[in-house]
Amino acid sequence: MNSERNFFLNRIKSVKYAAKGFWILITSEKSIIAQVIIGIIMTIIGFLMNISATEWLFQITAIAIVLVAESLNTAIEKMADFIHPDYNTKIGFIKDISAGAAFFAAIFAVIIGLIIYIPKFI
Protein backbone atom coordinates (compact mmCIF):
# COMPACT_ATOMS: atom_id res chain seq x y z
CA MET A 1 0.00 0.00 0.00
CA ASN A 2 2.84 2.40 0.87
CA SER A 3 4.54 1.83 -2.51
CA GLU A 4 1.25 2.57 -4.29
CA ARG A 5 0.91 5.80 -2.30
CA ASN A 6 4.51 6.78 -3.13
CA PHE A 7 3.86 6.04 -6.80
CA PHE A 8 0.79 8.29 -6.74
CA LEU A 9 2.63 11.08 -4.89
CA ASN A 10 5.56 10.85 -7.31
CA ARG A 11 3.16 11.23 -10.26
CA ILE A 12 1.67 14.33 -8.64
CA LYS A 13 5.18 15.76 -8.18
CA SER A 14 5.98 14.97 -11.83
CA VAL A 15 2.90 16.88 -12.98
CA LYS A 16 3.88 19.78 -10.72
CA TYR A 17 7.39 19.93 -12.26
CA ALA A 18 5.96 19.66 -15.78
CA ALA A 19 3.50 22.50 -15.09
CA LYS A 20 6.36 24.61 -13.72
CA GLY A 21 8.38 23.98 -16.90
CA PHE A 22 5.35 24.80 -19.04
CA TRP A 23 4.88 28.08 -17.17
CA ILE A 24 8.56 28.99 -17.50
CA LEU A 25 8.42 28.32 -21.25
CA ILE A 26 5.28 30.36 -21.97
CA THR A 27 6.29 33.30 -19.78
CA SER A 28 10.01 33.71 -20.43
CA GLU A 29 11.08 32.14 -23.72
CA LYS A 30 10.58 34.50 -26.64
CA SER A 31 10.51 31.75 -29.28
CA ILE A 32 7.83 29.85 -27.37
CA ILE A 33 5.81 33.02 -26.74
CA ALA A 34 5.95 33.80 -30.47
CA GLN A 35 4.81 30.29 -31.38
CA VAL A 36 1.99 30.39 -28.82
CA ILE A 37 0.80 33.70 -30.31
CA ILE A 38 0.92 32.21 -33.82
CA GLY A 39 -1.00 29.17 -32.54
CA ILE A 40 -3.68 31.39 -31.00
CA ILE A 41 -3.98 33.43 -34.21
CA MET A 42 -4.30 30.25 -36.29
CA THR A 43 -6.94 28.93 -33.88
CA ILE A 44 -8.95 32.14 -34.26
CA ILE A 45 -8.60 31.93 -38.05
CA GLY A 46 -9.74 28.29 -37.88
CA PHE A 47 -12.93 29.36 -36.12
CA LEU A 48 -13.49 32.25 -38.52
CA MET A 49 -12.95 30.00 -41.56
CA ASN A 50 -15.10 27.23 -40.06
CA ILE A 51 -12.56 24.50 -40.79
CA SER A 52 -13.67 20.86 -40.63
CA ALA A 53 -12.97 18.46 -37.76
CA THR A 54 -10.26 16.77 -39.83
CA GLU A 55 -8.65 20.13 -40.60
CA TRP A 56 -8.77 20.96 -36.87
CA LEU A 57 -6.95 17.72 -36.09
CA PHE A 58 -4.18 18.55 -38.54
CA GLN A 59 -3.95 22.17 -37.41
CA ILE A 60 -3.84 21.33 -33.70
CA THR A 61 -1.28 18.60 -34.34
CA ALA A 62 0.89 21.01 -36.34
CA ILE A 63 0.70 23.65 -33.59
CA ALA A 64 1.54 21.06 -30.93
CA ILE A 65 4.50 19.65 -32.87
CA VAL A 66 5.95 23.14 -33.38
CA LEU A 67 5.56 23.95 -29.67
CA VAL A 68 7.12 20.64 -28.64
CA ALA A 69 10.02 21.08 -31.09
CA GLU A 70 10.62 24.66 -29.90
CA SER A 71 10.49 23.52 -26.27
CA LEU A 72 13.01 20.74 -26.86
CA ASN A 73 15.21 23.14 -28.82
CA THR A 74 15.13 25.54 -25.88
CA ALA A 75 16.02 22.77 -23.43
CA ILE A 76 18.94 21.62 -25.58
CA GLU A 77 20.22 25.18 -25.97
CA LYS A 78 19.97 25.84 -22.22
CA MET A 79 21.78 22.60 -21.43
CA ALA A 80 24.49 23.33 -24.00
CA ASP A 81 24.98 26.83 -22.56
CA PHE A 82 25.19 25.37 -19.05
CA ILE A 83 27.74 22.75 -20.06
CA HIS A 84 29.87 25.14 -22.09
CA PRO A 85 28.98 28.81 -21.45
CA ASP A 86 31.69 30.15 -23.79
CA TYR A 87 31.43 29.94 -27.55
CA ASN A 88 32.40 26.53 -28.86
CA THR A 89 32.04 25.37 -32.46
CA LYS A 90 30.87 21.88 -31.46
CA ILE A 91 28.24 23.28 -29.08
CA GLY A 92 27.20 25.73 -31.80
CA PHE A 93 26.80 22.81 -34.22
CA ILE A 94 24.58 20.97 -31.72
CA LYS A 95 22.48 24.09 -31.15
CA ASP A 96 22.13 24.65 -34.90
CA ILE A 97 20.91 21.07 -35.39
CA SER A 98 18.42 21.52 -32.55
CA ALA A 99 17.14 24.74 -34.09
CA GLY A 100 16.94 22.95 -37.44
CA ALA A 101 14.58 20.38 -35.94
CA ALA A 102 12.27 23.18 -34.77
CA PHE A 103 12.54 24.73 -38.23
CA PHE A 104 11.48 21.42 -39.81
CA ALA A 105 8.39 21.42 -37.62
CA ALA A 106 7.59 25.01 -38.56
CA ILE A 107 7.98 24.30 -42.30
CA PHE A 108 5.58 21.37 -42.12
CA ALA A 109 3.13 23.42 -40.04
CA VAL A 110 3.14 26.10 -42.75
CA ILE A 111 2.56 23.43 -45.42
CA ILE A 112 -0.37 22.03 -43.42
CA GLY A 113 -1.77 25.54 -43.04
CA LEU A 114 -1.48 26.17 -46.77
CA ILE A 115 -3.23 22.88 -47.55
CA ILE A 116 -6.06 23.81 -45.19
CA TYR A 117 -6.52 27.48 -46.07
CA ILE A 118 -5.61 27.96 -49.75
CA PRO A 119 -8.69 26.03 -50.99
CA LYS A 120 -10.90 28.30 -48.88
CA PHE A 121 -9.76 31.31 -50.91
CA ILE A 122 -9.99 29.70 -54.35
C-alpha atoms as a PDB file:
ATOM      1  CA  MET A   1       0.000   0.000   0.000  1.00  0.00           C
ATOM      2  CA  ASN A   2       2.837   2.398   0.869  1.00  0.00           C
ATOM      3  CA  SER A   3       4.544   1.835  -2.513  1.00  0.00           C
ATOM      4  CA  GLU A   4       1.249   2.575  -4.287  1.00  0.00           C
ATOM      5  CA  ARG A   5       0.907   5.801  -2.302  1.00  0.00           C
ATOM      6  CA  ASN A   6       4.514   6.781  -3.127  1.00  0.00           C
ATOM      7  CA  PHE A   7       3.858   6.042  -6.803  1.00  0.00           C
ATOM      8  CA  PHE A   8       0.793   8.293  -6.743  1.00  0.00           C
ATOM      9  CA  LEU A   9       2.627  11.076  -4.890  1.00  0.00           C
ATOM     10  CA  ASN A  10       5.557  10.847  -7.311  1.00  0.00           C
ATOM     11  CA  ARG A  11       3.161  11.232 -10.264  1.00  0.00           C
ATOM     12  CA  ILE A  12       1.675  14.332  -8.637  1.00  0.00           C
ATOM     13  CA  LYS A  13       5.185  15.758  -8.181  1.00  0.00           C
ATOM     14  CA  SER A  14       5.979  14.971 -11.826  1.00  0.00           C
ATOM     15  CA  VAL A  15       2.901  16.881 -12.983  1.00  0.00           C
ATOM     16  CA  LYS A  16       3.879  19.781 -10.725  1.00  0.00           C
ATOM     17  CA  TYR A  17       7.388  19.926 -12.261  1.00  0.00           C
ATOM     18  CA  ALA A  18       5.961  19.664 -15.783  1.00  0.00           C
ATOM     19  CA  ALA A  19       3.498  22.498 -15.086  1.00  0.00           C
ATOM     20  CA  LYS A  20       6.358  24.614 -13.724  1.00  0.00           C
ATOM     21  CA  GLY A  21       8.383  23.976 -16.898  1.00  0.00           C
ATOM     22  CA  PHE A  22       5.350  24.802 -19.043  1.00  0.00           C
ATOM     23  CA  TRP A  23       4.879  28.083 -17.173  1.00  0.00           C
ATOM     24  CA  ILE A  24       8.565  28.985 -17.502  1.00  0.00           C
ATOM     25  CA  LEU A  25       8.415  28.322 -21.251  1.00  0.00           C
ATOM     26  CA  ILE A  26       5.282  30.358 -21.965  1.00  0.00           C
ATOM     27  CA  THR A  27       6.288  33.302 -19.783  1.00  0.00           C
ATOM     28  CA  SER A  28      10.006  33.708 -20.426  1.00  0.00           C
ATOM     29  CA  GLU A  29      11.081  32.142 -23.719  1.00  0.00           C
ATOM     30  CA  LYS A  30      10.575  34.502 -26.644  1.00  0.00           C
ATOM     31  CA  SER A  31      10.515  31.750 -29.280  1.00  0.00           C
ATOM     32  CA  ILE A  32       7.828  29.853 -27.366  1.00  0.00           C
ATOM     33  CA  ILE A  33       5.808  33.022 -26.737  1.00  0.00           C
ATOM     34  CA  ALA A  34       5.946  33.804 -30.474  1.00  0.00           C
ATOM     35  CA  GLN A  35       4.815  30.290 -31.379  1.00  0.00           C
ATOM     36  CA  VAL A  36       1.988  30.393 -28.819  1.00  0.00           C
ATOM     37  CA  ILE A  37       0.796  33.700 -30.307  1.00  0.00           C
ATOM     38  CA  ILE A  38       0.915  32.213 -33.820  1.00  0.00           C
ATOM     39  CA  GLY A  39      -0.998  29.173 -32.541  1.00  0.00           C
ATOM     40  CA  ILE A  40      -3.675  31.391 -31.003  1.00  0.00           C
ATOM     41  CA  ILE A  41      -3.976  33.432 -34.211  1.00  0.00           C
ATOM     42  CA  MET A  42      -4.303  30.249 -36.291  1.00  0.00           C
ATOM     43  CA  THR A  43      -6.936  28.933 -33.883  1.00  0.00           C
ATOM     44  CA  ILE A  44      -8.951  32.141 -34.257  1.00  0.00           C
ATOM     45  CA  ILE A  45      -8.597  31.926 -38.051  1.00  0.00           C
ATOM     46  CA  GLY A  46      -9.736  28.287 -37.875  1.00  0.00           C
ATOM     47  CA  PHE A  47     -12.934  29.360 -36.116  1.00  0.00           C
ATOM     48  CA  LEU A  48     -13.487  32.254 -38.524  1.00  0.00           C
ATOM     49  CA  MET A  49     -12.952  30.000 -41.555  1.00  0.00           C
ATOM     50  CA  ASN A  50     -15.098  27.234 -40.057  1.00  0.00           C
ATOM     51  CA  ILE A  51     -12.559  24.499 -40.786  1.00  0.00           C
ATOM     52  CA  SER A  52     -13.666  20.862 -40.626  1.00  0.00           C
ATOM     53  CA  ALA A  53     -12.974  18.455 -37.759  1.00  0.00           C
ATOM     54  CA  THR A  54     -10.262  16.767 -39.830  1.00  0.00           C
ATOM     55  CA  GLU A  55      -8.654  20.125 -40.602  1.00  0.00           C
ATOM     56  CA  TRP A  56      -8.765  20.957 -36.870  1.00  0.00           C
ATOM     57  CA  LEU A  57      -6.953  17.719 -36.092  1.00  0.00           C
ATOM     58  CA  PHE A  58      -4.179  18.545 -38.542  1.00  0.00           C
ATOM     59  CA  GLN A  59      -3.950  22.170 -37.415  1.00  0.00           C
ATOM     60  CA  ILE A  60      -3.836  21.331 -33.703  1.00  0.00           C
ATOM     61  CA  THR A  61      -1.276  18.598 -34.340  1.00  0.00           C
ATOM     62  CA  ALA A  62       0.892  21.014 -36.340  1.00  0.00           C
ATOM     63  CA  ILE A  63       0.704  23.646 -33.595  1.00  0.00           C
ATOM     64  CA  ALA A  64       1.543  21.063 -30.933  1.00  0.00           C
ATOM     65  CA  ILE A  65       4.501  19.655 -32.872  1.00  0.00           C
ATOM     66  CA  VAL A  66       5.946  23.143 -33.378  1.00  0.00           C
ATOM     67  CA  LEU A  67       5.559  23.945 -29.666  1.00  0.00           C
ATOM     68  CA  VAL A  68       7.124  20.636 -28.637  1.00  0.00           C
ATOM     69  CA  ALA A  69      10.015  21.081 -31.088  1.00  0.00           C
ATOM     70  CA  GLU A  70      10.618  24.659 -29.900  1.00  0.00           C
ATOM     71  CA  SER A  71      10.486  23.518 -26.270  1.00  0.00           C
ATOM     72  CA  LEU A  72      13.008  20.741 -26.861  1.00  0.00           C
ATOM     73  CA  ASN A  73      15.211  23.137 -28.818  1.00  0.00           C
ATOM     74  CA  THR A  74      15.126  25.545 -25.882  1.00  0.00           C
ATOM     75  CA  ALA A  75      16.022  22.766 -23.430  1.00  0.00           C
ATOM     76  CA  ILE A  76      18.937  21.618 -25.582  1.00  0.00           C
ATOM     77  CA  GLU A  77      20.223  25.178 -25.975  1.00  0.00           C
ATOM     78  CA  LYS A  78      19.970  25.845 -22.222  1.00  0.00           C
ATOM     79  CA  MET A  79      21.776  22.599 -21.434  1.00  0.00           C
ATOM     80  CA  ALA A  80      24.487  23.332 -23.997  1.00  0.00           C
ATOM     81  CA  ASP A  81      24.985  26.828 -22.564  1.00  0.00           C
ATOM     82  CA  PHE A  82      25.189  25.375 -19.051  1.00  0.00           C
ATOM     83  CA  ILE A  83      27.744  22.745 -20.058  1.00  0.00           C
ATOM     84  CA  HIS A  84      29.866  25.136 -22.089  1.00  0.00           C
ATOM     85  CA  PRO A  85      28.984  28.815 -21.450  1.00  0.00           C
ATOM     86  CA  ASP A  86      31.688  30.145 -23.789  1.00  0.00           C
ATOM     87  CA  TYR A  87      31.430  29.941 -27.547  1.00  0.00           C
ATOM     88  CA  ASN A  88      32.398  26.526 -28.858  1.00  0.00           C
ATOM     89  CA  THR A  89      32.045  25.372 -32.463  1.00  0.00           C
ATOM     90  CA  LYS A  90      30.871  21.877 -31.459  1.00  0.00           C
ATOM     91  CA  ILE A  91      28.239  23.283 -29.076  1.00  0.00           C
ATOM     92  CA  GLY A  92      27.200  25.729 -31.802  1.00  0.00           C
ATOM     93  CA  PHE A  93      26.800  22.808 -34.217  1.00  0.00           C
ATOM     94  CA  ILE A  94      24.581  20.972 -31.719  1.00  0.00           C
ATOM     95  CA  LYS A  95      22.478  24.094 -31.150  1.00  0.00           C
ATOM     96  CA  ASP A  96      22.130  24.646 -34.904  1.00  0.00           C
ATOM     97  CA  ILE A  97      20.907  21.071 -35.387  1.00  0.00           C
ATOM     98  CA  SER A  98      18.422  21.517 -32.547  1.00  0.00           C
ATOM     99  CA  ALA A  99      17.143  24.745 -34.093  1.00  0.00           C
ATOM    100  CA  GLY A 100      16.944  22.947 -37.437  1.00  0.00           C
ATOM    101  CA  ALA A 101      14.575  20.384 -35.936  1.00  0.00           C
ATOM    102  CA  ALA A 102      12.267  23.183 -34.771  1.00  0.00           C
ATOM    103  CA  PHE A 103      12.540  24.732 -38.231  1.00  0.00           C
ATOM    104  CA  PHE A 104      11.481  21.418 -39.812  1.00  0.00           C
ATOM    105  CA  ALA A 105       8.387  21.425 -37.624  1.00  0.00           C
ATOM    106  CA  ALA A 106       7.594  25.015 -38.564  1.00  0.00           C
ATOM    107  CA  ILE A 107       7.981  24.304 -42.302  1.00  0.00           C
ATOM    108  CA  PHE A 108       5.583  21.368 -42.118  1.00  0.00           C
ATOM    109  CA  ALA A 109       3.125  23.418 -40.040  1.00  0.00           C
ATOM    110  CA  VAL A 110       3.137  26.097 -42.746  1.00  0.00           C
ATOM    111  CA  ILE A 111       2.563  23.434 -45.421  1.00  0.00           C
ATOM    112  CA  ILE A 112      -0.368  22.032 -43.421  1.00  0.00           C
ATOM    113  CA  GLY A 113      -1.766  25.545 -43.041  1.00  0.00           C
ATOM    114  CA  LEU A 114      -1.478  26.174 -46.769  1.00  0.00           C
ATOM    115  CA  ILE A 115      -3.228  22.880 -47.551  1.00  0.00           C
ATOM    116  CA  ILE A 116      -6.058  23.809 -45.187  1.00  0.00           C
ATOM    117  CA  TYR A 117      -6.520  27.479 -46.071  1.00  0.00           C
ATOM    118  CA  ILE A 118      -5.614  27.960 -49.755  1.00  0.00           C
ATOM    119  CA  PRO A 119      -8.689  26.032 -50.988  1.00  0.00           C
ATOM    120  CA  LYS A 120     -10.901  28.298 -48.884  1.00  0.00           C
ATOM    121  CA  PHE A 121      -9.756  31.309 -50.909  1.00  0.00           C
ATOM    122  CA  ILE A 122      -9.991  29.698 -54.352  1.00  0.00           C
END
